[in-house]
N, C-alpha and C. Protein backbone atom coordinates (compact mmCIF):
# COMPACT_ATOMS: atom_id res chain seq x y z
N MET A 1 102.14 56.84 179.65
CA MET A 1 102.29 58.18 179.15
C MET A 1 102.09 58.24 177.64
N THR A 2 102.30 57.12 176.93
CA THR A 2 102.15 57.12 175.49
C THR A 2 100.75 56.70 175.05
N GLY A 3 99.93 56.23 175.98
CA GLY A 3 98.60 55.77 175.64
C GLY A 3 98.57 54.33 175.18
N GLN A 4 99.69 53.64 175.25
CA GLN A 4 99.76 52.24 174.86
C GLN A 4 100.00 51.37 176.09
N PRO A 5 99.51 50.12 176.06
CA PRO A 5 99.79 49.23 177.18
C PRO A 5 101.27 48.83 177.17
N PRO A 6 101.78 48.29 178.27
CA PRO A 6 103.19 47.90 178.30
C PRO A 6 103.49 46.80 177.29
N ARG A 7 104.75 46.71 176.85
CA ARG A 7 105.14 45.71 175.86
C ARG A 7 105.05 44.30 176.42
N SER A 8 105.37 44.14 177.68
CA SER A 8 105.26 42.83 178.30
C SER A 8 104.94 43.02 179.77
N TYR A 9 104.35 42.00 180.36
CA TYR A 9 104.10 42.05 181.78
C TYR A 9 104.13 40.63 182.35
N THR A 10 104.40 40.54 183.63
CA THR A 10 104.47 39.24 184.29
C THR A 10 103.34 39.14 185.30
N VAL A 11 102.87 37.91 185.48
CA VAL A 11 101.80 37.64 186.42
C VAL A 11 102.32 36.62 187.43
N PRO A 12 102.57 37.03 188.67
CA PRO A 12 102.99 36.05 189.66
C PRO A 12 101.78 35.24 190.13
N ALA A 13 101.94 33.92 190.13
CA ALA A 13 100.86 33.03 190.56
C ALA A 13 101.46 31.96 191.47
N GLY A 14 101.51 32.26 192.74
CA GLY A 14 102.10 31.32 193.68
C GLY A 14 103.61 31.24 193.47
N GLU A 15 104.08 30.05 193.16
CA GLU A 15 105.52 29.85 192.94
C GLU A 15 105.91 30.04 191.49
N ARG A 16 104.93 30.16 190.61
CA ARG A 16 105.22 30.33 189.19
C ARG A 16 105.02 31.77 188.77
N THR A 17 105.64 32.13 187.67
CA THR A 17 105.46 33.46 187.08
C THR A 17 105.16 33.28 185.60
N TYR A 18 104.11 33.91 185.14
CA TYR A 18 103.72 33.83 183.74
C TYR A 18 104.04 35.15 183.06
N MET A 19 104.57 35.08 181.84
CA MET A 19 104.92 36.28 181.10
C MET A 19 104.08 36.37 179.83
N TYR A 20 103.58 37.57 179.57
CA TYR A 20 102.80 37.86 178.37
C TYR A 20 103.46 39.02 177.64
N HIS A 21 103.36 39.02 176.30
CA HIS A 21 103.87 40.15 175.52
C HIS A 21 102.80 40.64 174.56
N ARG A 22 102.91 41.89 174.19
CA ARG A 22 101.92 42.57 173.36
C ARG A 22 102.20 42.33 171.88
N GLU A 23 101.14 42.08 171.14
CA GLU A 23 101.21 41.96 169.68
C GLU A 23 100.06 42.75 169.08
N HIS A 24 100.13 42.99 167.78
CA HIS A 24 99.05 43.69 167.09
C HIS A 24 97.83 42.79 167.03
N GLY A 25 96.64 43.38 167.20
CA GLY A 25 95.40 42.63 167.20
C GLY A 25 94.80 42.51 165.81
N GLU A 26 93.52 42.13 165.79
CA GLU A 26 92.80 41.95 164.54
C GLU A 26 92.43 43.30 163.92
N ARG A 27 92.38 43.32 162.61
CA ARG A 27 91.94 44.51 161.90
C ARG A 27 90.53 44.27 161.37
N GLY A 28 89.77 45.31 161.29
CA GLY A 28 88.40 45.17 160.78
C GLY A 28 87.46 46.09 161.52
N LYS A 29 86.17 45.76 161.46
CA LYS A 29 85.15 46.62 162.06
C LYS A 29 85.31 46.72 163.58
N ASN A 30 85.36 45.60 164.25
CA ASN A 30 85.51 45.58 165.71
C ASN A 30 86.94 45.17 166.06
N ARG A 31 87.86 45.97 165.67
CA ARG A 31 89.27 45.59 165.85
C ARG A 31 89.76 45.86 167.25
N THR A 32 90.72 45.08 167.65
CA THR A 32 91.41 45.27 168.91
C THR A 32 92.83 45.68 168.57
N PRO A 33 93.28 46.86 168.99
CA PRO A 33 94.62 47.29 168.59
C PRO A 33 95.73 46.44 169.18
N TRP A 34 95.55 45.92 170.38
CA TRP A 34 96.61 45.13 171.02
C TRP A 34 96.04 43.86 171.61
N VAL A 35 96.82 42.79 171.55
CA VAL A 35 96.46 41.51 172.13
C VAL A 35 97.67 41.03 172.91
N PHE A 36 97.45 40.50 174.10
CA PHE A 36 98.55 39.96 174.88
C PHE A 36 98.62 38.46 174.66
N VAL A 37 99.82 37.96 174.34
CA VAL A 37 100.05 36.56 174.01
C VAL A 37 100.97 35.96 175.06
N TYR A 38 100.64 34.74 175.50
CA TYR A 38 101.43 34.05 176.52
C TYR A 38 102.77 33.63 175.94
N ALA A 39 103.85 33.87 176.68
CA ALA A 39 105.20 33.47 176.28
C ALA A 39 105.62 32.29 177.15
N PRO A 40 105.52 31.05 176.65
CA PRO A 40 105.81 29.89 177.49
C PRO A 40 107.27 29.81 177.94
N ASP A 41 108.19 30.36 177.17
CA ASP A 41 109.60 30.30 177.58
C ASP A 41 109.94 31.37 178.62
N GLY A 42 109.05 32.32 178.84
CA GLY A 42 109.26 33.32 179.87
C GLY A 42 110.13 34.49 179.45
N ALA A 43 110.49 34.56 178.18
CA ALA A 43 111.33 35.65 177.70
C ALA A 43 110.52 36.57 176.80
N PRO A 44 110.74 37.87 176.90
CA PRO A 44 110.04 38.78 175.98
C PRO A 44 110.57 38.61 174.57
N PRO A 45 109.77 38.93 173.55
CA PRO A 45 110.26 38.79 172.18
C PRO A 45 111.37 39.79 171.90
N ALA A 46 112.21 39.44 170.96
CA ALA A 46 113.30 40.35 170.58
C ALA A 46 112.70 41.58 169.92
N GLY A 47 113.24 42.71 170.22
CA GLY A 47 112.75 43.95 169.65
C GLY A 47 113.22 44.16 168.23
N PRO A 48 112.78 45.22 167.61
CA PRO A 48 113.22 45.50 166.24
C PRO A 48 114.71 45.82 166.21
N LYS A 49 115.33 45.45 165.12
CA LYS A 49 116.77 45.72 164.97
C LYS A 49 116.91 46.89 164.01
N TRP A 50 117.11 48.05 164.57
CA TRP A 50 117.23 49.25 163.77
C TRP A 50 118.64 49.36 163.22
N PRO A 51 118.80 49.70 161.95
CA PRO A 51 120.14 49.77 161.36
C PRO A 51 120.99 50.89 161.97
N TRP A 52 120.38 51.94 162.49
CA TRP A 52 121.16 53.04 163.03
C TRP A 52 121.57 52.80 164.48
N SER A 53 121.14 51.70 165.09
CA SER A 53 121.52 51.44 166.47
C SER A 53 122.77 50.58 166.58
N LYS A 54 123.35 50.17 165.44
CA LYS A 54 124.57 49.37 165.48
C LYS A 54 125.76 50.24 165.85
N ARG A 55 126.65 49.67 166.59
CA ARG A 55 127.88 50.40 166.88
C ARG A 55 128.85 50.20 165.73
N THR A 56 129.41 51.25 165.26
CA THR A 56 130.39 51.14 164.18
C THR A 56 131.78 51.10 164.80
N PRO A 57 132.61 50.17 164.36
CA PRO A 57 133.97 50.11 164.92
C PRO A 57 134.79 51.31 164.48
N ARG A 58 135.59 51.79 165.38
CA ARG A 58 136.46 52.93 165.05
C ARG A 58 137.73 52.41 164.40
N PRO A 59 138.24 53.15 163.42
CA PRO A 59 139.48 52.71 162.74
C PRO A 59 140.71 52.88 163.61
């Protein structure tokens, strides 16, 4: 719906599962906006840590 590919996706291959995550591609004349990179540990990368998403403790 946003026009962007998913942040990560998994590829089942027999008994194994491979995970890929999206990163920014090359810049220039023939640039690719997104590149999928293999994640050997199988975990998606940590997302951005926004300062406004922290929970503040109540007094």
